[in-house]
């Protein structure tokens, strides 16, 4: 199972809560990235969430 890394200079104040079943993890990761204004990069050993450059 990969690690999840959040690259963000300041702590986030927004929370997302999900109640899911039988949903592919890739879809959940994409939704989290979209809702949080981040991009998700899939590395060999980790998922990295970083801010989207303006």
N, C-alpha and C. Protein backbone atom coordinates (compact mmCIF):
# COMPACT_ATOMS: atom_id res chain seq x y z
N UNK A 1 0.84 -1.17 0.00
CA UNK A 1 0.00 0.00 0.00
C UNK A 1 0.89 1.24 0.00
N UNK A 2 0.63 2.20 -0.89
CA UNK A 2 1.47 3.40 -0.97
C UNK A 2 1.21 4.35 0.19
N UNK A 3 2.18 5.21 0.44
CA UNK A 3 2.04 6.28 1.42
C UNK A 3 1.34 7.45 0.76
N UNK A 4 0.78 8.34 1.57
CA UNK A 4 0.17 9.56 1.07
C UNK A 4 0.93 10.74 1.65
N UNK A 5 1.39 11.64 0.81
CA UNK A 5 2.18 12.79 1.23
C UNK A 5 1.48 14.06 0.76
N UNK A 6 1.30 15.00 1.69
CA UNK A 6 0.69 16.28 1.33
C UNK A 6 1.77 17.34 1.34
N UNK A 7 1.99 17.99 0.20
CA UNK A 7 2.95 19.08 0.10
C UNK A 7 2.16 20.38 0.11
N UNK A 8 2.21 21.07 1.22
CA UNK A 8 1.48 22.33 1.33
C UNK A 8 2.23 23.20 2.33
N UNK A 9 2.50 24.47 1.98
CA UNK A 9 3.29 25.32 2.86
C UNK A 9 2.59 25.67 4.18
N UNK A 10 1.29 25.75 4.19
CA UNK A 10 0.56 26.09 5.41
C UNK A 10 -0.55 25.06 5.65
N UNK A 11 -0.93 24.85 6.90
CA UNK A 11 -1.96 23.85 7.19
C UNK A 11 -3.30 24.18 6.53
N UNK A 12 -3.97 23.16 6.09
CA UNK A 12 -5.28 23.33 5.47
C UNK A 12 -6.34 23.53 6.54
N UNK A 13 -7.34 24.34 6.22
CA UNK A 13 -8.44 24.57 7.16
C UNK A 13 -9.72 23.90 6.69
N UNK A 14 -9.66 23.27 5.55
CA UNK A 14 -10.84 22.64 4.96
C UNK A 14 -10.82 21.14 5.23
N UNK A 15 -11.98 20.59 5.57
CA UNK A 15 -12.07 19.14 5.78
C UNK A 15 -13.07 18.54 4.81
N UNK A 16 -12.75 17.35 4.34
CA UNK A 16 -13.65 16.60 3.48
C UNK A 16 -13.99 15.29 4.17
N UNK A 17 -15.26 14.93 4.18
CA UNK A 17 -15.70 13.69 4.78
C UNK A 17 -16.45 12.88 3.73
N UNK A 18 -16.09 11.61 3.62
CA UNK A 18 -16.71 10.73 2.64
C UNK A 18 -17.24 9.48 3.34
N UNK A 19 -18.32 8.97 2.82
CA UNK A 19 -18.84 7.68 3.25
C UNK A 19 -19.01 6.86 1.98
N UNK A 20 -18.06 5.98 1.70
CA UNK A 20 -18.01 5.27 0.43
C UNK A 20 -17.92 3.77 0.62
N UNK A 21 -18.43 3.05 -0.36
CA UNK A 21 -18.23 1.61 -0.41
C UNK A 21 -18.20 1.20 -1.88
N UNK A 22 -17.34 0.26 -2.18
CA UNK A 22 -17.18 -0.26 -3.54
C UNK A 22 -16.84 0.83 -4.56
N UNK A 23 -15.95 1.73 -4.16
CA UNK A 23 -15.50 2.80 -5.05
C UNK A 23 -13.99 2.60 -5.25
N UNK A 24 -13.52 2.63 -6.51
CA UNK A 24 -12.09 2.45 -6.74
C UNK A 24 -11.26 3.55 -6.07
N UNK A 25 -10.13 3.17 -5.49
CA UNK A 25 -9.28 4.12 -4.78
C UNK A 25 -8.82 5.24 -5.71
N UNK A 26 -8.56 4.94 -6.97
CA UNK A 26 -8.11 5.97 -7.91
C UNK A 26 -9.18 7.06 -8.08
N UNK A 27 -10.45 6.66 -8.05
CA UNK A 27 -11.54 7.64 -8.16
C UNK A 27 -11.60 8.51 -6.91
N UNK A 28 -11.44 7.92 -5.75
CA UNK A 28 -11.45 8.66 -4.48
C UNK A 28 -10.29 9.66 -4.46
N UNK A 29 -9.12 9.24 -4.88
CA UNK A 29 -7.95 10.12 -4.90
C UNK A 29 -8.19 11.29 -5.85
N UNK A 30 -8.76 11.03 -7.01
CA UNK A 30 -9.07 12.09 -7.97
C UNK A 30 -10.07 13.08 -7.40
N UNK A 31 -11.10 12.59 -6.71
CA UNK A 31 -12.10 13.47 -6.09
C UNK A 31 -11.47 14.32 -4.99
N UNK A 32 -10.63 13.71 -4.16
CA UNK A 32 -9.97 14.47 -3.09
C UNK A 32 -9.09 15.57 -3.67
N UNK A 33 -8.36 15.26 -4.70
CA UNK A 33 -7.49 16.26 -5.33
C UNK A 33 -8.33 17.39 -5.91
N UNK A 34 -9.39 17.08 -6.59
CA UNK A 34 -10.25 18.09 -7.19
C UNK A 34 -10.88 18.99 -6.13
N UNK A 35 -11.43 18.39 -5.08
CA UNK A 35 -12.10 19.16 -4.03
C UNK A 35 -11.13 20.01 -3.22
N UNK A 36 -9.91 19.57 -3.09
CA UNK A 36 -8.95 20.31 -2.27
C UNK A 36 -8.09 21.28 -3.08
N UNK A 37 -8.31 21.33 -4.39
CA UNK A 37 -7.52 22.23 -5.23
C UNK A 37 -6.07 21.80 -5.35
N UNK A 38 -5.86 20.51 -5.36
CA UNK A 38 -4.50 19.98 -5.43
C UNK A 38 -4.37 19.09 -6.66
N UNK A 39 -3.15 18.68 -6.90
CA UNK A 39 -2.92 17.66 -7.93
C UNK A 39 -2.35 16.45 -7.24
N UNK A 40 -2.71 15.29 -7.72
CA UNK A 40 -2.25 14.04 -7.14
C UNK A 40 -1.26 13.39 -8.11
N UNK A 41 -0.09 13.11 -7.62
CA UNK A 41 0.94 12.45 -8.41
C UNK A 41 1.16 11.06 -7.85
N UNK A 42 1.19 10.08 -8.72
CA UNK A 42 1.37 8.70 -8.29
C UNK A 42 2.82 8.32 -8.48
N UNK A 43 3.53 8.17 -7.36
CA UNK A 43 4.91 7.72 -7.40
C UNK A 43 4.96 6.21 -7.21
N UNK A 44 6.15 5.67 -7.22
CA UNK A 44 6.28 4.22 -7.06
C UNK A 44 5.88 3.75 -5.65
N UNK A 45 6.18 4.58 -4.64
CA UNK A 45 5.91 4.18 -3.27
C UNK A 45 4.98 5.13 -2.53
N UNK A 46 4.44 6.15 -3.20
CA UNK A 46 3.61 7.13 -2.49
C UNK A 46 2.70 7.88 -3.44
N UNK A 47 1.60 8.36 -2.91
CA UNK A 47 0.74 9.33 -3.60
C UNK A 47 1.11 10.67 -3.03
N UNK A 48 1.38 11.65 -3.89
CA UNK A 48 1.80 12.97 -3.44
C UNK A 48 0.74 13.98 -3.86
N UNK A 49 0.18 14.68 -2.88
CA UNK A 49 -0.78 15.73 -3.13
C UNK A 49 -0.05 17.06 -2.97
N UNK A 50 -0.03 17.86 -4.04
CA UNK A 50 0.64 19.17 -3.96
C UNK A 50 -0.27 20.23 -4.55
N UNK A 51 -0.08 21.50 -4.13
CA UNK A 51 -0.94 22.57 -4.64
C UNK A 51 -0.81 22.71 -6.15
N UNK A 52 -1.91 23.10 -6.78
CA UNK A 52 -1.91 23.35 -8.22
C UNK A 52 -1.30 24.74 -8.42
N UNK A 53 -0.30 24.85 -9.29
CA UNK A 53 0.34 26.13 -9.56
C UNK A 53 -0.64 27.03 -10.31
N UNK A 54 -0.74 28.25 -9.85
CA UNK A 54 -1.63 29.23 -10.52
C UNK A 54 -1.01 29.77 -11.76
